[in-house]
Every structure is written in C-alpha cells, then in structure tokens.
Amino acid sequence: AGVVIDAIRCCKLALDRGKGGILYQPSA
C-alpha cells in the first residue's frame, strides 16, 4: 500500500494532464 498510494496519485496527475497509455516513469 505504501507504493500503491503514490501510483494512484501519479495516475490522477496523468488524467489531469490528458496523458494516456503507459506511464513509463511511475511503472519503472
């Protein structure tokens, strides 16, 4: 959970920015 809680917020940032597809930096 200590990692997922950041992954969720990075995903939200991508949604805010209109970015789709693989999020390479968070995934890495």
PDB file of all heavy atoms in Angstrom:
ATOM      1  N   ALA A   1       0.820  -1.215   0.000  1.00  0.00           N
ATOM      2  CA  ALA A   1       0.000   0.000   0.000  1.00  0.00           C
ATOM      3  C   ALA A   1       0.853   1.265   0.000  1.00  0.00           C
ATOM      4  O   ALA A   1       0.451   2.296  -0.549  1.00  0.00           O
ATOM      5  CB  ALA A   1      -0.930  -0.004   1.209  1.00  0.00           C
ATOM      6  N   GLY A   2       2.051   1.196   0.595  1.00  0.00           N
ATOM      7  CA  GLY A   2       2.935   2.350   0.628  1.00  0.00           C
ATOM      8  C   GLY A   2       3.397   2.797  -0.743  1.00  0.00           C
ATOM      9  O   GLY A   2       3.877   3.927  -0.914  1.00  0.00           O
ATOM     10  N   VAL A   3       3.274   1.911  -1.731  1.00  0.00           N
ATOM     11  CA  VAL A   3       3.629   2.241  -3.108  1.00  0.00           C
ATOM     12  C   VAL A   3       2.378   2.558  -3.922  1.00  0.00           C
ATOM     13  O   VAL A   3       2.340   3.520  -4.695  1.00  0.00           O
ATOM     14  CB  VAL A   3       4.420   1.081  -3.752  1.00  0.00           C
ATOM     15  CG1 VAL A   3       4.747   1.383  -5.212  1.00  0.00           C
ATOM     16  CG2 VAL A   3       5.709   0.829  -2.969  1.00  0.00           C
ATOM     17  N   VAL A   4       1.329   1.762  -3.736  1.00  0.00           N
ATOM     18  CA  VAL A   4       0.095   1.968  -4.498  1.00  0.00           C
ATOM     19  C   VAL A   4      -0.490   3.359  -4.246  1.00  0.00           C
ATOM     20  O   VAL A   4      -1.046   3.987  -5.155  1.00  0.00           O
ATOM     21  CB  VAL A   4      -0.942   0.872  -4.162  1.00  0.00           C
ATOM     22  CG1 VAL A   4      -2.278   1.159  -4.832  1.00  0.00           C
ATOM     23  CG2 VAL A   4      -0.426  -0.494  -4.593  1.00  0.00           C
ATOM     24  N   ILE A   5      -0.344   3.863  -3.034  1.00  0.00           N
ATOM     25  CA  ILE A   5      -0.921   5.160  -2.700  1.00  0.00           C
ATOM     26  C   ILE A   5      -0.268   6.279  -3.520  1.00  0.00           C
ATOM     27  O   ILE A   5      -0.896   7.311  -3.797  1.00  0.00           O
ATOM     28  CB  ILE A   5      -0.815   5.432  -1.181  1.00  0.00           C
ATOM     29  CG1 ILE A   5      -1.927   6.378  -0.735  1.00  0.00           C
ATOM     30  CG2 ILE A   5       0.577   5.911  -0.778  1.00  0.00           C
ATOM     31  CD1 ILE A   5      -2.189   6.354   0.748  1.00  0.00           C
ATOM     32  N   ASP A   6       0.981   6.070  -3.949  1.00  0.00           N
ATOM     33  CA  ASP A   6       1.637   7.010  -4.854  1.00  0.00           C
ATOM     34  C   ASP A   6       1.265   6.740  -6.306  1.00  0.00           C
ATOM     35  O   ASP A   6       1.103   7.673  -7.103  1.00  0.00           O
ATOM     36  CB  ASP A   6       3.153   6.925  -4.696  1.00  0.00           C
ATOM     37  CG  ASP A   6       3.661   7.756  -3.528  1.00  0.00           C
ATOM     38  OD1 ASP A   6       2.837   8.109  -2.654  1.00  0.00           O
ATOM     39  OD2 ASP A   6       4.867   8.048  -3.483  1.00  0.00           O
ATOM     40  N   ALA A   7       1.132   5.460  -6.672  1.00  0.00           N
ATOM     41  CA  ALA A   7       0.748   5.114  -8.046  1.00  0.00           C
ATOM     42  C   ALA A   7      -0.609   5.713  -8.405  1.00  0.00           C
ATOM     43  O   ALA A   7      -0.813   6.214  -9.516  1.00  0.00           O
ATOM     44  CB  ALA A   7       0.726   3.597  -8.215  1.00  0.00           C
ATOM     45  N   ILE A   8      -1.545   5.675  -7.454  1.00  0.00           N
ATOM     46  CA  ILE A   8      -2.870   6.244  -7.692  1.00  0.00           C
ATOM     47  C   ILE A   8      -2.771   7.728  -7.990  1.00  0.00           C
ATOM     48  O   ILE A   8      -3.379   8.241  -8.945  1.00  0.00           O
ATOM     49  CB  ILE A   8      -3.776   6.009  -6.457  1.00  0.00           C
ATOM     50  CG1 ILE A   8      -4.102   4.526  -6.300  1.00  0.00           C
ATOM     51  CG2 ILE A   8      -5.065   6.832  -6.565  1.00  0.00           C
ATOM     52  CD1 ILE A   8      -4.734   4.185  -4.954  1.00  0.00           C
ATOM     53  N   ARG A   9      -1.979   8.435  -7.192  1.00  0.00           N
ATOM     54  CA  ARG A   9      -1.894   9.877  -7.379  1.00  0.00           C
ATOM     55  C   ARG A   9      -1.131  10.245  -8.652  1.00  0.00           C
ATOM     56  O   ARG A   9      -1.460  11.236  -9.307  1.00  0.00           O
ATOM     57  CB  ARG A   9      -1.273  10.514  -6.135  1.00  0.00           C
ATOM     58  CG  ARG A   9      -2.216  10.440  -4.922  1.00  0.00           C
ATOM     59  CD  ARG A   9      -1.616  11.055  -3.679  1.00  0.00           C
ATOM     60  NE  ARG A   9      -0.582  10.219  -3.099  1.00  0.00           N
ATOM     61  CZ  ARG A   9       0.255  10.634  -2.148  1.00  0.00           C
ATOM     62  NH1 ARG A   9       0.179  11.887  -1.702  1.00  0.00           N
ATOM     63  NH2 ARG A   9       1.149   9.799  -1.641  1.00  0.00           N
ATOM     64  N   CYS A  10      -0.145   9.442  -9.040  1.00  0.00           N
ATOM     65  CA  CYS A  10       0.527   9.672 -10.326  1.00  0.00           C
ATOM     66  C   CYS A  10      -0.440   9.447 -11.483  1.00  0.00           C
ATOM     67  O   CYS A  10      -0.417  10.168 -12.486  1.00  0.00           O
ATOM     68  CB  CYS A  10       1.735   8.747 -10.465  1.00  0.00           C
ATOM     69  SG  CYS A  10       3.162   9.255  -9.474  1.00  0.00           S
ATOM     70  N   CYS A  11      -1.286   8.436 -11.342  1.00  0.00           N
ATOM     71  CA  CYS A  11      -2.291   8.160 -12.366  1.00  0.00           C
ATOM     72  C   CYS A  11      -3.246   9.341 -12.498  1.00  0.00           C
ATOM     73  O   CYS A  11      -3.636   9.733 -13.603  1.00  0.00           O
ATOM     74  CB  CYS A  11      -3.048   6.883 -11.995  1.00  0.00           C
ATOM     75  SG  CYS A  11      -3.583   5.912 -13.399  1.00  0.00           S
ATOM     76  N   LYS A  12      -3.630   9.917 -11.379  1.00  0.00           N
ATOM     77  CA  LYS A  12      -4.511  11.079 -11.393  1.00  0.00           C
ATOM     78  C   LYS A  12      -3.845  12.277 -12.059  1.00  0.00           C
ATOM     79  O   LYS A  12      -4.481  13.021 -12.816  1.00  0.00           O
ATOM     80  CB  LYS A  12      -4.928  11.417  -9.961  1.00  0.00           C
ATOM     81  CG  LYS A  12      -5.756  12.685  -9.826  1.00  0.00           C
ATOM     82  CD  LYS A  12      -7.083  12.611 -10.579  1.00  0.00           C
ATOM     83  CE  LYS A  12      -7.943  13.836 -10.253  1.00  0.00           C
ATOM     84  NZ  LYS A  12      -9.178  13.870 -11.088  1.00  0.00           N
ATOM     85  N   LEU A  13      -2.548  12.476 -11.793  1.00  0.00           N
ATOM     86  CA  LEU A  13      -1.824  13.553 -12.462  1.00  0.00           C
ATOM     87  C   LEU A  13      -1.868  13.373 -13.974  1.00  0.00           C
ATOM     88  O   LEU A  13      -2.054  14.337 -14.725  1.00  0.00           O
ATOM     89  CB  LEU A  13      -0.372  13.605 -11.988  1.00  0.00           C
ATOM     90  CG  LEU A  13      -0.103  14.110 -10.571  1.00  0.00           C
ATOM     91  CD1 LEU A  13       1.395  14.106 -10.285  1.00  0.00           C
ATOM     92  CD2 LEU A  13      -0.665  15.500 -10.357  1.00  0.00           C
ATOM     93  N   ALA A  14      -1.697  12.131 -14.433  1.00  0.00           N
ATOM     94  CA  ALA A  14      -1.750  11.864 -15.872  1.00  0.00           C
ATOM     95  C   ALA A  14      -3.132  12.185 -16.434  1.00  0.00           C
ATOM     96  O   ALA A  14      -3.255  12.759 -17.520  1.00  0.00           O
ATOM     97  CB  ALA A  14      -1.379  10.413 -16.150  1.00  0.00           C
ATOM     98  N   LEU A  15      -4.181  11.823 -15.692  1.00  0.00           N
ATOM     99  CA  LEU A  15      -5.544  12.154 -16.130  1.00  0.00           C
ATOM    100  C   LEU A  15      -5.717  13.670 -16.212  1.00  0.00           C
ATOM    101  O   LEU A  15      -6.306  14.193 -17.168  1.00  0.00           O
ATOM    102  CB  LEU A  15      -6.563  11.556 -15.162  1.00  0.00           C
ATOM    103  CG  LEU A  15      -6.761  10.038 -15.225  1.00  0.00           C
ATOM    104  CD1 LEU A  15      -7.560   9.555 -14.020  1.00  0.00           C
ATOM    105  CD2 LEU A  15      -7.468   9.639 -16.522  1.00  0.00           C
ATOM    106  N   ASP A  16      -5.212  14.384 -15.219  1.00  0.00           N
ATOM    107  CA  ASP A  16      -5.298  15.846 -15.232  1.00  0.00           C
ATOM    108  C   ASP A  16      -4.582  16.444 -16.436  1.00  0.00           C
ATOM    109  O   ASP A  16      -5.011  17.468 -16.979  1.00  0.00           O
ATOM    110  CB  ASP A  16      -4.683  16.430 -13.955  1.00  0.00           C
ATOM    111  CG  ASP A  16      -5.500  16.132 -12.705  1.00  0.00           C
ATOM    112  OD1 ASP A  16      -6.678  15.724 -12.844  1.00  0.00           O
ATOM    113  OD2 ASP A  16      -4.960  16.310 -11.593  1.00  0.00           O
ATOM    114  N   ARG A  17      -3.504  15.811 -16.835  1.00  0.00           N
ATOM    115  CA  ARG A  17      -2.684  16.327 -17.934  1.00  0.00           C
ATOM    116  C   ARG A  17      -3.136  15.830 -19.297  1.00  0.00           C
ATOM    117  O   ARG A  17      -2.544  16.170 -20.321  1.00  0.00           O
ATOM    118  CB  ARG A  17      -1.219  15.923 -17.710  1.00  0.00           C
ATOM    119  CG  ARG A  17      -0.606  16.508 -16.448  1.00  0.00           C
ATOM    120  CD  ARG A  17       0.720  15.828 -16.094  1.00  0.00           C
ATOM    121  NE  ARG A  17       1.250  16.335 -14.823  1.00  0.00           N
ATOM    122  CZ  ARG A  17       2.297  15.811 -14.188  1.00  0.00           C
ATOM    123  NH1 ARG A  17       2.915  14.752 -14.701  1.00  0.00           N
ATOM    124  NH2 ARG A  17       2.725  16.325 -13.056  1.00  0.00           N
ATOM    125  N   GLY A  18      -4.165  14.971 -19.305  1.00  0.00           N
ATOM    126  CA  GLY A  18      -4.665  14.444 -20.569  1.00  0.00           C
ATOM    127  C   GLY A  18      -3.731  13.439 -21.211  1.00  0.00           C
ATOM    128  O   GLY A  18      -3.745  13.261 -22.436  1.00  0.00           O
ATOM    129  N   LYS A  19      -2.924  12.762 -20.383  1.00  0.00           N
ATOM    130  CA  LYS A  19      -1.951  11.800 -20.907  1.00  0.00           C
ATOM    131  C   LYS A  19      -2.486  10.392 -20.773  1.00  0.00           C
ATOM    132  O   LYS A  19      -2.867   9.965 -19.679  1.00  0.00           O
ATOM    133  CB  LYS A  19      -0.622  11.936 -20.158  1.00  0.00           C
ATOM    134  CG  LYS A  19       0.426  10.918 -20.596  1.00  0.00           C
ATOM    135  CD  LYS A  19       1.747  11.160 -19.926  1.00  0.00           C
ATOM    136  CE  LYS A  19       2.764  10.061 -20.269  1.00  0.00           C
ATOM    137  NZ  LYS A  19       2.941   9.878 -21.718  1.00  0.00           N
ATOM    138  N   GLY A  20      -2.511   9.638 -21.872  1.00  0.00           N
ATOM    139  CA  GLY A  20      -2.947   8.254 -21.842  1.00  0.00           C
ATOM    140  C   GLY A  20      -1.822   7.302 -22.199  1.00  0.00           C
ATOM    141  O   GLY A  20      -0.704   7.712 -22.496  1.00  0.00           O
ATOM    142  N   GLY A  21      -2.118   6.018 -22.167  1.00  0.00           N
ATOM    143  CA  GLY A  21      -1.129   4.999 -22.466  1.00  0.00           C
ATOM    144  C   GLY A  21      -0.227   4.708 -21.280  1.00  0.00           C
ATOM    145  O   GLY A  21      -0.539   5.058 -20.138  1.00  0.00           O
ATOM    146  N   ILE A  22       0.897   4.075 -21.561  1.00  0.00           N
ATOM    147  CA  ILE A  22       1.824   3.672 -20.496  1.00  0.00           C
ATOM    148  C   ILE A  22       2.403   4.898 -19.798  1.00  0.00           C
ATOM    149  O   ILE A  22       2.873   5.832 -20.454  1.00  0.00           O
ATOM    150  CB  ILE A  22       2.979   2.845 -21.070  1.00  0.00           C
ATOM    151  CG1 ILE A  22       2.459   1.559 -21.729  1.00  0.00           C
ATOM    152  CG2 ILE A  22       3.981   2.488 -19.970  1.00  0.00           C
ATOM    153  CD1 ILE A  22       3.509   0.864 -22.587  1.00  0.00           C
ATOM    154  N   LEU A  23       2.385   4.887 -18.488  1.00  0.00           N
ATOM    155  CA  LEU A  23       3.110   5.876 -17.701  1.00  0.00           C
ATOM    156  C   LEU A  23       4.459   5.247 -17.348  1.00  0.00           C
ATOM    157  O   LEU A  23       4.577   4.480 -16.382  1.00  0.00           O
ATOM    158  CB  LEU A  23       2.325   6.258 -16.446  1.00  0.00           C
ATOM    159  CG  LEU A  23       0.914   6.818 -16.669  1.00  0.00           C
ATOM    160  CD1 LEU A  23       0.303   7.288 -15.353  1.00  0.00           C
ATOM    161  CD2 LEU A  23       0.909   7.955 -17.688  1.00  0.00           C
ATOM    162  N   TYR A  24       5.470   5.539 -18.158  1.00  0.00           N
ATOM    163  CA  TYR A  24       6.749   4.834 -18.052  1.00  0.00           C
ATOM    164  C   TYR A  24       7.477   5.119 -16.738  1.00  0.00           C
ATOM    165  O   TYR A  24       8.051   4.209 -16.128  1.00  0.00           O
ATOM    166  CB  TYR A  24       7.654   5.204 -19.235  1.00  0.00           C
ATOM    167  CG  TYR A  24       7.234   4.556 -20.524  1.00  0.00           C
ATOM    168  CD1 TYR A  24       6.492   5.262 -21.470  1.00  0.00           C
ATOM    169  CD2 TYR A  24       7.561   3.226 -20.802  1.00  0.00           C
ATOM    170  CE1 TYR A  24       6.094   4.672 -22.659  1.00  0.00           C
ATOM    171  CE2 TYR A  24       7.173   2.621 -21.985  1.00  0.00           C
ATOM    172  CZ  TYR A  24       6.434   3.346 -22.914  1.00  0.00           C
ATOM    173  OH  TYR A  24       6.033   2.757 -24.083  1.00  0.00           O
ATOM    174  N   GLN A  25       7.454   6.390 -16.299  1.00  0.00           N
ATOM    175  CA  GLN A  25       8.201   6.723 -15.082  1.00  0.00           C
ATOM    176  C   GLN A  25       7.592   6.062 -13.840  1.00  0.00           C
ATOM    177  O   GLN A  25       8.311   5.394 -13.082  1.00  0.00           O
ATOM    178  CB  GLN A  25       8.273   8.246 -14.904  1.00  0.00           C
ATOM    179  CG  GLN A  25       8.937   8.988 -16.071  1.00  0.00           C
ATOM    180  CD  GLN A  25       7.905   9.526 -17.048  1.00  0.00           C
ATOM    181  OE1 GLN A  25       6.901   8.864 -17.325  1.00  0.00           O
ATOM    182  NE2 GLN A  25       8.154  10.717 -17.567  1.00  0.00           N
ATOM    183  N   PRO A  26       6.281   6.208 -13.598  1.00  0.00           N
ATOM    184  CA  PRO A  26       5.696   5.501 -12.451  1.00  0.00           C
ATOM    185  C   PRO A  26       5.826   3.986 -12.555  1.00  0.00           C
ATOM    186  O   PRO A  26       6.076   3.307 -11.549  1.00  0.00           O
ATOM    187  CB  PRO A  26       4.228   5.938 -12.487  1.00  0.00           C
ATOM    188  CG  PRO A  26       4.240   7.258 -13.183  1.00  0.00           C
ATOM    189  CD  PRO A  26       5.319   7.128 -14.217  1.00  0.00           C
ATOM    190  N   SER A  27       5.667   3.441 -13.748  1.00  0.00           N
ATOM    191  CA  SER A  27       5.795   1.999 -13.911  1.00  0.00           C
ATOM    192  C   SER A  27       7.200   1.524 -13.557  1.00  0.00           C
ATOM    193  O   SER A  27       7.377   0.508 -12.889  1.00  0.00           O
ATOM    194  CB  SER A  27       5.449   1.589 -15.352  1.00  0.00           C
ATOM    195  OG  SER A  27       4.088   1.828 -15.643  1.00  0.00           O
ATOM    196  N   ALA A  28       8.210   2.280 -13.985  1.00  0.00           N
ATOM    197  CA  ALA A  28       9.594   1.884 -13.715  1.00  0.00           C
ATOM    198  C   ALA A  28       9.906   1.920 -12.225  1.00  0.00           C
ATOM    199  O   ALA A  28      10.634   1.068 -11.716  1.00  0.00           O
ATOM    200  CB  ALA A  28      10.552   2.801 -14.470  1.00  0.00           C
TER     201      ALA A  28
END
